[in-house]
């Protein structure tokens, strides 16, 4: 079935030097862009030299990443840096929504981080001759890119949504194709979970032609398999509560809203800005601070209410109640 599109949908995938979004870099970026009313998509792939803009050197491949994607450092030494191809990438991103497989958790955060690295570099160079004009032009281009504003279709999420990953489905899949008795009673569910895990270890004990990975019969290894929820920033330092407020997910302020921390400890935002966090995390905290600062200024400009004026009058009259 052909896609019914109102605007272009840009499928993308990234290969990188490793899995640490804050320190690794993109080595390959592929776009497949589907257009409304056009049966054939356009395709573009870049090989990219991963670059550390502060140390002015190529980011080395992590051996484990190289073993998976087959890319070696010497393969990239003559490739353009991300900053060199960003104008073309921006043109492909223009007016498009995004799609990928598990891209919301890795590829999208990595792409955002590379853009933020270029932003930081250009901000540093925007007042230095002779690079001033080029840096300012790049900053203007980056200002037109807002990945957070684009719709993101994650095909993996659709797969998991349409093929439920609940206990009943797992039991049917791994334990003979039938439902277990007394489902949704605590004891039956617990016993079914026990049987499913043993069946998973049996099923994935040996590699196959289509699946090389095996399950290690070890609690520590098994406990590392999992995912995380949707967040404000890609690293998961902020998430939305039921009221749509950004909430801090770590450290001494875990569980507090960013607004509450801003009111009680505004220096915390400076600590984030200077700390070892991803650039996207820092940017989202910075955007929240800008929002809160603007709201505070707006409140300061607003005329005092009658209740506030009466309170001031009572204060100067020496009345406490």
Protein backbone atom coordinates (compact mmCIF):
# COMPACT_ATOMS: atom_id res chain seq x y z
CA UNK A 1 0.00 0.00 0.00
CA UNK A 2 1.37 3.40 -0.97
CA UNK A 3 1.80 6.04 1.73
CA UNK A 4 -0.90 8.71 1.92
CA UNK A 5 1.16 11.84 2.54
CA UNK A 6 0.33 15.50 2.94
CA UNK A 7 4.01 16.45 3.01
CA UNK A 8 7.29 14.56 2.45
CA UNK A 9 8.26 11.78 4.84
CA UNK A 10 12.02 11.38 5.30
CA UNK A 11 13.21 7.91 6.32
CA UNK A 12 16.72 7.92 7.74
CA UNK A 13 19.35 5.72 9.34
CA UNK A 14 22.71 6.43 10.94
CA UNK A 15 25.93 4.50 11.40
CA UNK A 16 28.23 5.96 14.04
CA UNK A 17 31.57 5.60 15.82
CA UNK A 18 29.72 4.17 18.83
CA UNK A 19 26.56 4.40 20.90
CA UNK A 20 27.44 7.33 23.21
CA UNK A 21 25.45 10.22 21.79
CA UNK A 22 27.46 12.81 23.74
CA UNK A 23 30.89 11.68 22.50
CA UNK A 24 30.46 9.58 19.34
CA UNK A 25 29.83 10.86 15.83
CA UNK A 26 28.05 10.01 12.59
CA UNK A 27 30.05 8.13 9.94
CA UNK A 28 27.19 7.39 7.54
CA UNK A 29 23.80 9.04 7.07
CA UNK A 30 21.21 7.76 4.62
CA UNK A 31 17.98 9.49 3.60
CA UNK A 32 15.06 7.99 1.68
CA UNK A 33 12.52 10.75 1.00
CA UNK A 34 8.96 9.85 0.01
CA UNK A 35 6.87 12.59 -1.62
CA UNK A 36 3.08 13.02 -1.83
CA UNK A 37 1.76 11.58 -5.08
CA UNK A 38 5.12 10.15 -6.18
CA UNK A 39 5.58 6.34 -6.22
CA UNK A 40 9.39 6.42 -6.13
CA UNK A 41 11.37 8.02 -3.29
CA UNK A 42 14.62 9.96 -3.62
CA UNK A 43 17.72 8.50 -1.96
CA UNK A 44 20.88 10.12 -0.65
CA UNK A 45 23.71 8.71 1.47
CA UNK A 46 26.70 10.53 2.93
CA UNK A 47 29.95 9.06 4.23
CA UNK A 48 31.12 11.47 6.94
CA UNK A 49 34.38 12.03 8.76
CA UNK A 50 33.40 12.18 12.47
CA UNK A 51 34.93 15.34 13.83
CA UNK A 52 35.75 16.75 17.27
CA UNK A 53 35.36 20.52 16.79
CA UNK A 54 37.06 21.35 20.09
CA UNK A 55 40.15 19.16 19.69
CA UNK A 56 40.20 19.54 15.88
CA UNK A 57 40.68 15.84 15.22
CA UNK A 58 38.82 12.86 13.83
CA UNK A 59 36.74 10.91 16.36
CA UNK A 60 38.07 7.32 16.37
CA UNK A 61 35.84 4.34 15.67
CA UNK A 62 34.88 2.26 18.68
CA UNK A 63 36.09 -1.29 17.87
CA UNK A 64 32.71 -2.77 18.81
CA UNK A 65 30.93 -0.35 16.44
CA UNK A 66 33.42 -1.08 13.69
CA UNK A 67 32.80 -4.80 14.11
CA UNK A 68 29.09 -4.20 13.44
CA UNK A 69 29.11 -1.63 10.62
CA UNK A 70 32.46 -2.55 9.07
CA UNK A 71 33.68 1.06 9.00
CA UNK A 72 37.33 1.77 9.86
CA UNK A 73 39.04 5.06 10.64
CA UNK A 74 41.05 5.01 7.41
CA UNK A 75 37.83 4.66 5.38
CA UNK A 76 36.73 8.13 6.54
CA UNK A 77 39.89 10.26 6.43
CA UNK A 78 39.06 11.80 3.04
CA UNK A 79 35.31 12.17 3.66
CA UNK A 80 33.63 15.54 4.36
CA UNK A 81 32.86 16.56 7.94
CA UNK A 82 29.25 16.91 9.08
CA UNK A 83 29.55 20.72 8.98
CA UNK A 84 30.49 20.47 5.29
CA UNK A 85 27.36 18.54 4.28
CA UNK A 86 24.95 20.18 6.74
CA UNK A 87 23.58 22.67 4.14
CA UNK A 88 22.59 19.75 1.90
CA UNK A 89 21.20 17.79 4.85
CA UNK A 90 19.14 20.82 5.88
CA UNK A 91 17.64 21.00 2.40
CA UNK A 92 16.59 17.34 2.61
CA UNK A 93 15.10 17.93 6.08
CA UNK A 94 13.14 20.96 4.89
CA UNK A 95 9.34 20.63 5.09
CA UNK A 96 9.60 16.93 5.96
CA UNK A 97 8.44 14.69 8.76
CA UNK A 98 10.72 11.85 9.85
CA UNK A 99 10.59 8.05 9.94
CA UNK A 100 12.93 5.24 10.94
CA UNK A 101 13.29 1.98 12.82
CA UNK A 102 14.09 2.61 16.50
CA UNK A 103 15.23 6.03 15.30
CA UNK A 104 13.46 7.97 18.04
CA UNK A 105 15.84 6.49 20.62
CA UNK A 106 19.16 6.70 18.78
CA UNK A 107 19.31 8.04 15.22
CA UNK A 108 17.28 11.18 15.91
CA UNK A 109 19.21 12.11 19.10
CA UNK A 110 22.51 11.52 17.29
CA UNK A 111 21.47 13.71 14.35
CA UNK A 112 20.36 16.45 16.76
CA UNK A 113 23.67 16.23 18.63
CA UNK A 114 25.71 16.65 15.45
CA UNK A 115 23.68 19.75 14.55
CA UNK A 116 24.20 21.17 18.05
CA UNK A 117 27.96 20.59 17.77
CA UNK A 118 28.04 22.65 14.60
CA UNK A 119 25.93 25.33 16.31
CA UNK A 120 28.36 25.50 19.24
CA UNK A 121 31.37 25.68 16.92
CA UNK A 122 29.83 28.44 14.79
CA UNK A 123 28.83 30.47 17.85
CA UNK A 124 32.48 30.36 18.89
CA UNK A 125 33.65 31.42 15.42
CA UNK A 126 30.94 33.99 14.67
CA UNK A 127 33.03 36.88 16.03
CA UNK A 128 36.39 35.79 14.60
CA UNK A 129 37.71 36.96 11.25
CA UNK A 130 37.89 35.62 8.56
CA UNK A 131 35.36 32.91 9.54
CA UNK A 132 32.74 35.35 10.87
CA UNK A 133 30.58 35.55 7.74
CA UNK A 134 30.56 31.79 7.12
CA UNK A 135 29.81 31.01 10.76
CA UNK A 136 26.91 33.45 10.90
CA UNK A 137 25.47 32.02 7.68
CA UNK A 138 25.66 28.52 9.15
CA UNK A 139 23.96 29.70 12.35
CA UNK A 140 21.15 31.19 10.30
CA UNK A 141 20.76 27.86 8.48
CA UNK A 142 20.71 25.87 11.74
CA UNK A 143 18.11 28.25 13.13
CA UNK A 144 15.73 26.99 10.45
CA UNK A 145 16.11 23.35 11.62
CA UNK A 146 13.87 22.21 14.47
CA UNK A 147 13.86 18.43 14.73
CA UNK A 148 11.65 18.59 17.81
CA UNK A 149 8.94 20.22 15.72
CA UNK A 150 8.78 17.37 13.20
CA UNK A 151 6.50 14.34 13.46
CA UNK A 152 8.52 11.16 14.03
CA UNK A 153 7.19 7.79 12.80
CA UNK A 154 9.12 5.00 14.48
CA UNK A 155 8.35 1.78 12.60
CA UNK A 156 9.60 -0.29 15.53
CA UNK A 157 6.97 1.29 17.78
CA UNK A 158 4.26 0.39 15.25
CA UNK A 159 5.58 -3.18 15.12
CA UNK A 160 5.42 -3.53 18.89
CA UNK A 161 2.01 -1.84 19.04
CA UNK A 162 0.40 -4.06 16.42
CA UNK A 163 2.11 -7.25 17.62
CA UNK A 164 1.52 -6.95 21.38
CA UNK A 165 4.39 -7.70 23.72
CA UNK A 166 2.21 -8.61 26.68
CA UNK A 167 2.44 -11.79 28.75
CA UNK A 168 -0.42 -13.57 27.00
CA UNK A 169 1.11 -12.98 23.57
CA UNK A 170 4.52 -14.09 24.83
CA UNK A 171 3.10 -17.28 26.29
CA UNK A 172 1.32 -18.10 23.02
CA UNK A 173 4.50 -17.47 21.04
CA UNK A 174 7.01 -19.31 23.22
CA UNK A 175 4.98 -21.97 25.01
CA UNK A 176 2.92 -23.89 22.50
CA UNK A 177 0.47 -21.44 20.94
CA UNK A 178 -2.28 -21.51 23.57
CA UNK A 179 -3.35 -19.16 26.35
CA UNK A 180 -2.53 -20.17 29.89
CA UNK A 181 -5.32 -20.76 32.39
CA UNK A 182 -6.42 -18.16 34.95
CA UNK A 183 -4.68 -15.28 33.16
CA UNK A 184 -4.52 -12.05 35.18
CA UNK A 185 -4.38 -13.81 38.51
CA UNK A 186 -1.13 -13.08 40.26
CA UNK A 187 0.00 -16.69 40.61
CA UNK A 188 -0.89 -17.73 37.06
CA UNK A 189 0.79 -14.66 35.58
CA UNK A 190 3.93 -15.23 37.66
CA UNK A 191 4.17 -18.90 36.69
CA UNK A 192 3.59 -18.01 33.03
CA UNK A 193 6.40 -15.44 33.19
CA UNK A 194 8.70 -18.11 34.65
CA UNK A 195 7.83 -20.52 31.83
CA UNK A 196 8.26 -17.86 29.13
CA UNK A 197 11.77 -16.93 30.27
CA UNK A 198 12.88 -20.56 30.24
CA UNK A 199 11.38 -20.99 26.77
CA UNK A 200 13.17 -17.84 25.56
CA UNK A 201 16.49 -19.21 26.76
CA UNK A 202 15.78 -22.43 24.85
CA UNK A 203 14.69 -20.63 21.67
CA UNK A 204 17.63 -18.22 21.54
CA UNK A 205 20.38 -20.53 22.79
CA UNK A 206 21.97 -20.94 19.35
CA UNK A 207 22.53 -18.50 16.46
CA UNK A 208 20.61 -18.97 13.22
CA UNK A 209 21.03 -17.84 9.64
CA UNK A 210 18.90 -14.76 10.36
CA UNK A 211 19.80 -14.11 13.99
CA UNK A 212 23.35 -14.18 15.29
CA UNK A 213 22.60 -13.01 18.81
CA UNK A 214 21.95 -15.58 21.54
CA UNK A 215 20.53 -15.11 25.02
CA UNK A 216 23.08 -15.64 27.75
CA UNK A 217 21.70 -17.69 30.65
CA UNK A 218 22.85 -15.09 33.14
CA UNK A 219 20.71 -12.71 35.21
CA UNK A 220 23.11 -9.77 34.88
CA UNK A 221 23.09 -10.04 31.08
CA UNK A 222 19.34 -10.56 30.86
CA UNK A 223 18.63 -7.56 33.08
CA UNK A 224 20.36 -5.21 30.63
CA UNK A 225 17.85 -5.92 27.85
CA UNK A 226 15.16 -3.24 27.81
CA UNK A 227 14.02 0.24 26.75
CA UNK A 228 13.01 3.61 28.11
CA UNK A 229 10.07 5.96 27.83
CA UNK A 230 9.52 9.09 25.76
CA UNK A 231 11.28 12.16 27.13
CA UNK A 232 11.71 15.90 26.57
CA UNK A 233 15.39 15.57 25.66
CA UNK A 234 16.84 12.61 23.87
CA UNK A 235 19.06 11.56 26.78
CA UNK A 236 16.07 11.23 29.10
CA UNK A 237 17.09 13.83 31.69
CA UNK A 238 13.68 15.47 31.34
CA UNK A 239 10.25 13.96 30.80
CA UNK A 240 6.71 15.24 30.66
CA UNK A 241 4.30 14.53 33.50
CA UNK A 242 0.54 14.12 33.03
CA UNK A 243 0.10 17.90 33.14
CA UNK A 244 2.62 18.44 30.34
CA UNK A 245 5.23 19.94 32.67
CA UNK A 246 8.90 19.08 32.17
CA UNK A 247 10.12 16.97 35.12
CA UNK A 248 13.73 16.22 36.08
CA UNK A 249 14.50 12.49 36.06
CA UNK A 250 17.80 12.29 37.94
CA UNK A 251 19.87 13.58 40.86
CA UNK A 252 18.79 15.54 43.90
CA UNK A 253 15.84 17.14 42.05
CA UNK A 254 14.50 13.91 40.61
CA UNK A 255 10.71 14.06 40.35
CA UNK A 256 10.56 17.86 40.62
CA UNK A 257 9.32 20.00 37.76
CA UNK A 258 11.90 22.14 36.00
CA UNK A 259 9.71 25.16 36.83
CA UNK A 260 9.86 24.34 40.56
CA UNK A 261 13.65 24.04 40.47
CA UNK A 262 13.91 27.30 38.51
CA UNK A 263 11.96 29.09 41.24
CA UNK A 264 13.93 27.60 44.15
CA UNK A 265 17.42 27.03 42.71
CA UNK A 266 17.96 28.87 39.40
CA UNK A 267 21.71 28.16 39.58
CA UNK A 268 20.88 24.53 38.80
CA UNK A 269 20.34 25.53 35.15
CA UNK A 270 23.86 27.00 35.02
CA UNK A 271 25.18 23.74 36.48
CA UNK A 272 23.47 21.83 33.67
CA UNK A 273 24.90 24.22 31.06
CA UNK A 274 28.45 23.65 32.34
CA UNK A 275 28.09 19.95 33.14
CA UNK A 276 28.86 16.80 31.17
CA UNK A 277 25.49 16.45 29.49
CA UNK A 278 24.58 16.09 25.83
CA UNK A 279 24.20 19.33 23.94
CA UNK A 280 20.57 18.52 23.28
CA UNK A 281 19.94 18.13 27.03
CA UNK A 282 21.62 21.48 27.66
CA UNK A 283 19.58 23.11 24.90
CA UNK A 284 16.27 21.83 26.28
CA UNK A 285 17.13 23.11 29.76
CA UNK A 286 18.19 26.41 28.18
CA UNK A 287 14.88 26.70 26.30
CA UNK A 288 12.97 26.07 29.52
CA UNK A 289 15.01 28.73 31.32
CA UNK A 290 14.30 31.21 28.51
CA UNK A 291 10.59 30.40 28.81
CA UNK A 292 10.60 30.85 32.59
CA UNK A 293 12.62 34.08 32.35
CA UNK A 294 10.14 35.49 29.84
CA UNK A 295 7.20 34.53 32.03
CA UNK A 296 8.83 36.18 35.04
CA UNK A 297 9.40 39.41 33.09
CA UNK A 298 5.82 39.35 31.86
CA UNK A 299 4.54 38.99 35.40
CA UNK A 300 6.71 41.90 36.51
CA UNK A 301 5.15 44.13 33.85
CA UNK A 302 1.59 43.19 34.75
CA UNK A 303 -0.32 45.73 36.89
CA UNK A 304 -0.76 44.79 40.53
CA UNK A 305 -4.08 43.22 41.45
CA UNK A 306 -6.44 44.84 43.94
CA UNK A 307 -5.64 42.10 46.43
CA UNK A 308 -1.90 42.78 46.15
CA UNK A 309 -2.46 46.52 46.58
CA UNK A 310 -4.57 45.93 49.67
CA UNK A 311 -1.80 43.73 51.05
CA UNK A 312 0.73 46.51 50.59
CA UNK A 313 -1.61 48.99 52.25
CA UNK A 314 -2.11 46.68 55.22
CA UNK A 315 1.65 46.22 55.49
CA UNK A 316 2.29 49.95 55.71
CA UNK A 317 -0.63 50.39 58.15
CA UNK A 318 0.99 47.90 60.46
CA UNK A 319 -1.87 45.40 60.15
CA UNK A 320 -0.87 41.73 60.14
CA UNK A 321 -4.29 40.17 59.46
